[in-house]
Protein backbone atom coordinates (compact mmCIF):
# COMPACT_ATOMS: atom_id res chain seq x y z
CA MET A 1 112.03 -148.58 -7.59
CA SER A 2 111.89 -148.65 -3.87
CA PHE A 3 114.10 -146.63 -1.36
CA GLN A 4 113.85 -146.54 2.42
CA ILE A 5 114.38 -143.52 4.34
CA THR A 6 115.37 -143.09 7.85
CA TYR A 7 114.98 -140.34 10.11
CA VAL A 8 116.93 -139.81 13.05
CA SER A 9 116.78 -138.04 15.78
CA ASN A 10 120.99 -136.19 15.76
CA ASP A 11 119.89 -134.74 12.04
CA LYS A 12 121.67 -136.82 10.21
CA LEU A 13 119.45 -138.89 7.30
CA ASN A 14 120.59 -142.47 6.33
CA ILE A 15 119.01 -143.15 2.64
CA GLY A 16 119.71 -147.19 1.71
CA LEU A 17 118.85 -148.72 -1.63
CA GLU A 18 117.14 -151.48 -0.88
CA GLU A 19 116.20 -152.88 -4.08
CA SER A 20 116.13 -151.58 -7.97
CA ASN A 21 113.80 -152.19 -10.83
CA ILE A 22 115.50 -150.21 -13.35
CA GLN A 23 116.42 -152.13 -16.26
CA LEU A 24 120.03 -152.64 -17.18
CA PRO A 25 121.34 -152.96 -20.09
CA ILE A 26 121.52 -156.16 -21.69
CA GLU A 27 122.89 -157.52 -25.16
CA LYS A 28 121.28 -157.12 -27.89
CA GLN A 29 119.70 -160.36 -28.95
CA SER A 30 118.94 -159.77 -32.45
CA ILE A 31 119.15 -156.60 -35.16
CA ASN A 32 116.03 -155.20 -37.17
CA THR A 33 116.99 -157.10 -40.91
CA GLN A 34 113.77 -157.50 -43.91
CA SER A 35 114.51 -159.20 -47.09
CA ILE A 36 112.63 -158.76 -49.98
CA GLN A 37 112.52 -160.27 -53.69
CA THR A 38 112.76 -156.95 -56.64
CA HIS A 39 112.80 -159.24 -59.41
CA PRO A 40 111.13 -162.10 -59.24
CA GLY A 41 112.75 -164.69 -62.37
CA ILE A 42 112.10 -162.05 -64.84
CA THR A 43 113.23 -161.83 -68.69
CA VAL A 44 116.25 -158.61 -69.55
CA ALA A 45 116.85 -157.91 -72.98
CA THR A 46 119.52 -157.94 -74.83
CA ASN A 47 121.84 -155.19 -73.78
CA GLY A 48 119.05 -153.88 -71.58
CA ASN A 49 117.93 -153.22 -68.39
CA SER A 50 114.98 -153.95 -65.73
CA THR A 51 114.01 -150.55 -63.61
CA ASN A 52 110.42 -152.68 -62.78
CA SER A 53 111.30 -153.05 -58.90
CA ASP A 54 109.14 -150.21 -57.03
CA TRP A 55 110.85 -147.77 -55.07
CA LEU A 56 111.49 -149.21 -51.63
CA ASP A 57 111.37 -148.09 -48.11
CA ALA A 58 114.96 -148.06 -46.49
CA ASP A 59 114.23 -145.39 -43.52
CA GLY A 60 115.82 -146.93 -40.26
CA PHE A 61 118.53 -149.06 -42.43
CA SER A 62 121.93 -148.43 -42.55
CA GLU A 63 122.89 -151.18 -45.21
CA ILE A 64 121.28 -152.77 -48.84
CA ALA A 65 122.86 -155.80 -49.57
CA ILE A 66 122.23 -156.81 -52.89
CA THR A 67 122.02 -160.76 -54.28
CA VAL A 68 121.02 -161.06 -58.23
CA LEU A 69 120.82 -164.57 -60.03
CA SER A 70 121.08 -164.90 -63.72
CA ASP A 71 120.27 -168.02 -65.89
CA ASN A 72 123.40 -168.94 -67.48
CA ASN A 73 126.97 -168.40 -65.98
CA THR A 74 127.55 -164.95 -67.68
CA SER A 75 129.98 -162.18 -66.41
CA GLN A 76 128.17 -159.79 -68.16
CA PHE A 77 125.29 -158.64 -65.81
CA ALA A 78 125.54 -155.92 -63.73
CA ALA A 79 123.13 -154.01 -61.17
CA THR A 80 122.26 -150.46 -59.93
CA ILE A 81 120.44 -149.05 -57.41
CA LEU A 82 118.53 -145.78 -57.95
CA TRP A 83 118.13 -143.44 -54.75
CA SER A 84 115.60 -141.14 -54.34
CA ASN A 85 114.73 -138.90 -51.50
CA ASP A 86 110.62 -138.43 -52.19
CA LYS A 87 110.08 -141.88 -54.15
CA THR A 88 109.36 -139.98 -57.57
CA ASN A 89 112.54 -137.98 -58.73
CA ILE A 90 116.36 -139.83 -58.71
CA HIS A 91 118.61 -137.88 -56.57
CA GLY A 92 121.68 -140.67 -57.43
CA ALA A 93 122.63 -143.76 -58.71
CA GLU A 94 124.86 -146.03 -57.26
CA THR A 95 126.31 -149.22 -59.34
CA VAL A 96 126.60 -152.27 -57.12
CA LEU A 97 127.86 -155.40 -59.01
CA GLY A 98 129.58 -154.30 -62.12
CA SER A 99 130.17 -156.62 -64.80
CA ALA A 100 133.04 -158.60 -63.55
CA VAL A 101 133.21 -162.37 -63.81
CA ALA A 102 132.76 -163.63 -60.29
CA VAL A 103 133.77 -167.76 -59.07
CA TRP A 104 130.52 -168.30 -59.31
CA ALA A 105 129.13 -166.35 -62.91
CA ASN A 106 125.25 -166.19 -62.81
CA ALA A 107 125.42 -165.75 -58.80
CA ARG A 108 126.85 -162.54 -56.97
CA SER A 109 125.79 -160.04 -54.59
CA GLY A 110 127.28 -156.46 -53.17
CA GLN A 111 126.35 -154.13 -50.25
CA VAL A 112 126.68 -150.31 -50.42
CA THR A 113 125.00 -147.86 -47.22
CA THR A 114 121.93 -146.19 -47.22
CA LYS A 115 121.97 -143.15 -49.67
CA ALA A 116 118.61 -141.93 -49.34
CA ARG A 117 114.89 -142.23 -47.91
CA TYR A 118 113.69 -145.09 -51.04
CA PHE A 119 115.74 -146.79 -53.42
CA LYS A 120 115.22 -149.30 -56.44
CA LEU A 121 117.36 -151.85 -58.31
CA VAL A 122 117.77 -151.66 -61.70
CA LEU A 123 119.32 -155.00 -63.52
CA ILE A 124 121.47 -153.99 -66.40
CA ASN A 125 121.87 -156.72 -68.84
CA SER A 126 125.05 -156.21 -71.34
CA ASP A 127 124.13 -159.51 -72.95
CA SER A 128 124.69 -158.68 -76.67
CA SER A 129 123.14 -161.50 -78.01
CA ASN A 130 120.65 -162.98 -75.68
CA PRO A 131 118.04 -162.51 -73.22
CA HIS A 132 118.44 -163.53 -69.45
CA VAL A 133 115.90 -164.42 -66.83
CA MET A 134 117.52 -163.16 -63.65
CA SER A 135 116.39 -162.39 -60.06
CA ALA A 136 117.24 -160.55 -57.19
CA TRP A 137 117.26 -159.84 -53.68
CA ALA A 138 117.61 -156.79 -51.84
CA TYR A 139 118.35 -157.21 -47.84
CA LEU A 140 118.24 -154.10 -45.38
CA LYS A 141 119.96 -154.12 -42.63
CA ALA A 142 119.70 -152.07 -39.43
């Protein structure tokens, strides 16, 4: 930043701003996001669940969206997020996707606000007859 200062003999000080190198606020160009595949086509047993997702760091992200694909059009699957403050113990659990039938029953999504520093996704197969192959992704939004 530069200023022009002129001293005048009658004890008045004239100050003028000729230019400024201060960065002005501009429209945000993008939002920090991250997409992580948590379950790459794993088989979830009959009436079983899969917690084989690692603890993922959600620090700096305000929301988490989950998308899940199943191998057939069944409404018999759900997804739960486990929350942890220390990456070891479970300090909370939240159902993100219930077992309701959607338009595309094999592909569903849900979104929640971040509740702890770390999270783990659990896929649940409530089909009492068949195991199912499922894939899941977590989309973190700042």
